[in-house]
Amino acid sequence: MTTAPPAPAAPSDAGPDAGPPEGPRPAVVTRSHTIRYVVVGLVLVGVLVFLLVKGLGSALDFYLPADQAMAQKATLGDKTFNLEGVVAPGSIHATTEGVDFVVASGDVRLPVANTGSPPQLFQANIPVIAVGHFSGDSFVSDQILVKHSSTYIAEYPQRVTAPNGTKR
């Protein structure tokens, strides 16, 4: 005698003991998924903090006057920073690598050795910013920025070109 396989059960409203209904099951967040979300969140927070620190750090370019730079020489060491001062009269000497000069700030006179060509407006008795670091008793620079006021434009109106190409 052979027995037939049991017939599939017909859908019914059998009640709570009937088992789970057929169809899509609700999503279950497992422990491994939670750990992944936490790790991804921590990585994103770390990247955000890194970008903020780097962005704000580079945005905070500061200028140290020569007198303050000399007072902080031991802590500055050979770190690159922006040195501010006025070019001392009679101190500019052209060299094969660039120009040597002295910046003055307060009672301090600091020798600067610059490699490269100075800007066209570079001269004695003007405020400058030298980008570089201490080396021994002098400051070694590879870039000079010249600061000038609106009085320069008033004295030399044909030398300054506006962004739109007109002469001021």
Protein backbone atom coordinates (compact mmCIF):
# COMPACT_ATOMS: atom_id res chain seq x y z
CA MET A 1 0.00 0.00 0.00
CA THR A 2 1.34 3.37 -0.97
CA THR A 3 0.61 6.53 0.83
CA ALA A 4 0.09 9.82 -0.87
CA PRO A 5 1.99 12.90 0.25
CA PRO A 6 -0.02 15.19 2.40
CA ALA A 7 -1.87 17.93 0.57
CA PRO A 8 -0.74 21.50 1.11
CA ALA A 9 -2.63 23.26 3.79
CA ALA A 10 -5.22 25.67 2.61
CA PRO A 11 -4.99 29.22 3.85
CA SER A 12 -7.17 29.71 6.81
CA ASP A 13 -7.74 32.02 9.65
CA ALA A 14 -6.26 29.56 12.05
CA GLY A 15 -5.26 32.05 14.75
CA PRO A 16 -2.07 32.73 16.69
CA ASP A 17 -0.68 29.20 16.46
CA ALA A 18 -0.69 29.22 12.66
CA GLY A 19 2.94 30.45 12.29
CA PRO A 20 4.36 33.39 10.40
CA PRO A 21 2.40 34.66 7.43
CA GLU A 22 3.83 34.24 3.95
CA GLY A 23 5.33 37.30 2.21
CA PRO A 24 8.14 39.79 2.97
CA ARG A 25 9.56 39.68 6.44
CA PRO A 26 10.36 42.90 8.33
CA ALA A 27 14.02 43.99 8.18
CA VAL A 28 15.97 42.93 11.21
CA VAL A 29 19.09 44.90 12.18
CA THR A 30 21.61 42.41 13.37
CA ARG A 31 24.49 43.08 15.71
CA SER A 32 27.02 43.07 12.81
CA HIS A 33 25.02 45.74 10.97
CA THR A 34 24.97 47.92 14.08
CA ILE A 35 28.75 47.63 14.41
CA ARG A 36 29.18 48.58 10.76
CA TYR A 37 27.01 51.68 11.19
CA VAL A 38 28.98 52.74 14.26
CA VAL A 39 32.33 52.26 12.49
CA VAL A 40 31.18 54.20 9.40
CA GLY A 41 29.86 56.98 11.64
CA LEU A 42 33.15 57.19 13.55
CA VAL A 43 35.13 57.31 10.31
CA LEU A 44 32.91 60.13 8.98
CA VAL A 45 33.27 62.10 12.22
CA GLY A 46 37.05 61.58 12.12
CA VAL A 47 37.27 62.83 8.53
CA LEU A 48 35.14 65.87 9.38
CA VAL A 49 37.32 66.74 12.38
CA PHE A 50 40.48 66.31 10.29
CA LEU A 51 39.16 68.61 7.55
CA LEU A 52 38.12 71.26 10.07
CA VAL A 53 41.50 71.22 11.81
CA LYS A 54 43.47 71.37 8.55
CA GLY A 55 41.19 74.02 7.05
CA LEU A 56 41.21 76.26 10.08
CA GLY A 57 44.91 75.74 10.64
CA SER A 58 45.83 76.91 7.18
CA ALA A 59 43.32 79.75 7.27
CA LEU A 60 44.95 81.23 10.34
CA ASP A 61 48.02 82.69 8.69
CA PHE A 62 49.48 85.13 11.14
CA TYR A 63 52.23 87.71 10.89
CA LEU A 64 54.84 88.04 13.59
CA PRO A 65 56.55 91.40 13.85
CA ALA A 66 60.34 91.08 14.01
CA ASP A 67 60.49 92.01 17.70
CA GLN A 68 57.94 89.35 18.67
CA ALA A 69 59.59 86.77 16.41
CA MET A 70 62.94 87.35 18.12
CA ALA A 71 61.27 86.99 21.53
CA GLN A 72 59.77 83.64 20.40
CA LYS A 73 62.84 82.44 18.46
CA ALA A 74 63.45 79.43 20.73
CA THR A 75 59.87 78.15 20.39
CA LEU A 76 59.66 78.88 16.65
CA GLY A 77 62.84 76.97 15.88
CA ASP A 78 63.01 76.25 12.15
CA LYS A 79 59.23 76.40 11.64
CA THR A 80 58.08 78.47 8.64
CA PHE A 81 56.10 81.60 9.49
CA ASN A 82 55.38 85.12 8.18
CA LEU A 83 57.79 87.78 9.46
CA GLU A 84 56.57 91.36 9.38
CA GLY A 85 58.67 94.49 9.53
CA VAL A 86 59.84 97.63 7.76
CA VAL A 87 62.83 97.41 5.44
CA ALA A 88 65.65 99.34 7.12
CA PRO A 89 67.16 102.14 4.99
CA GLY A 90 70.55 101.29 3.47
CA SER A 91 70.22 97.57 4.26
CA ILE A 92 69.26 96.21 0.83
CA HIS A 93 72.08 94.28 -0.90
CA ALA A 94 71.60 92.20 -4.05
CA THR A 95 73.14 88.72 -3.98
CA THR A 96 73.54 86.00 -6.57
CA GLU A 97 70.59 84.14 -5.03
CA GLY A 98 68.30 87.08 -4.32
CA VAL A 99 68.55 89.94 -1.86
CA ASP A 100 69.70 90.49 1.73
CA PHE A 101 68.12 93.20 3.86
CA VAL A 102 67.19 94.08 7.43
CA VAL A 103 63.66 94.37 8.79
CA ALA A 104 63.00 96.59 11.76
CA SER A 105 60.20 96.32 14.27
CA GLY A 106 60.28 98.19 17.54
CA ASP A 107 63.91 98.21 18.74
CA VAL A 108 64.76 94.97 16.90
CA ARG A 109 66.65 94.81 13.61
CA LEU A 110 66.63 91.33 12.05
CA PRO A 111 68.76 90.39 9.02
CA VAL A 112 66.86 88.60 6.24
CA ALA A 113 68.43 86.52 3.46
CA ASN A 114 65.93 86.09 0.63
CA THR A 115 66.33 83.63 -2.22
CA GLY A 116 64.52 84.63 -5.37
CA SER A 117 63.67 87.97 -6.84
CA PRO A 118 61.90 90.53 -4.69
CA PRO A 119 58.67 92.17 -5.91
CA GLN A 120 58.90 95.36 -7.98
CA LEU A 121 57.66 97.56 -5.14
CA PHE A 122 60.39 96.29 -2.77
CA GLN A 123 62.43 99.18 -1.39
CA ALA A 124 63.62 100.74 1.86
CA ASN A 125 61.16 102.15 4.41
CA ILE A 126 58.18 100.03 3.32
CA PRO A 127 56.41 97.33 5.31
CA VAL A 128 57.10 93.80 4.06
CA ILE A 129 56.23 90.26 4.98
CA ALA A 130 58.95 87.67 4.51
CA VAL A 131 57.89 84.01 4.47
CA GLY A 132 60.57 81.73 5.88
CA HIS A 133 62.29 80.50 9.05
CA PHE A 134 65.15 81.25 11.42
CA SER A 135 68.61 79.98 10.54
CA GLY A 136 71.18 80.92 13.13
CA ASP A 137 71.01 84.65 13.86
CA SER A 138 69.19 85.56 10.65
CA PHE A 139 65.89 84.85 8.92
CA VAL A 140 65.95 82.86 5.67
CA SER A 141 63.11 83.68 3.31
CA ASP A 142 61.94 82.40 -0.05
CA GLN A 143 59.12 84.87 -0.59
CA ILE A 144 58.64 88.59 0.05
CA LEU A 145 55.22 90.22 0.12
CA VAL A 146 55.04 93.99 -0.10
CA LYS A 147 52.35 95.85 1.75
CA HIS A 148 51.29 99.21 0.44
CA SER A 149 48.54 101.62 1.36
CA SER A 150 46.21 103.78 -0.67
CA THR A 151 48.82 106.57 -0.54
CA TYR A 152 50.82 104.57 -3.10
CA ILE A 153 47.87 104.72 -5.50
CA ALA A 154 47.55 108.47 -4.94
CA GLU A 155 51.27 109.07 -5.65
CA TYR A 156 51.54 106.71 -8.65
CA PRO A 157 48.09 106.50 -10.26
CA GLN A 158 49.30 105.02 -13.56
CA ARG A 159 51.22 102.13 -11.96
CA VAL A 160 48.33 100.24 -10.41
CA THR A 161 46.05 98.20 -12.67
CA ALA A 162 42.59 97.32 -11.39
CA PRO A 163 41.15 93.82 -11.91
CA ASN A 164 39.01 95.15 -14.78
CA GLY A 165 42.14 96.41 -16.60
CA THR A 166 41.75 100.13 -15.90
CA LYS A 167 44.63 102.16 -14.50
CA ARG A 168 44.22 103.74 -11.09
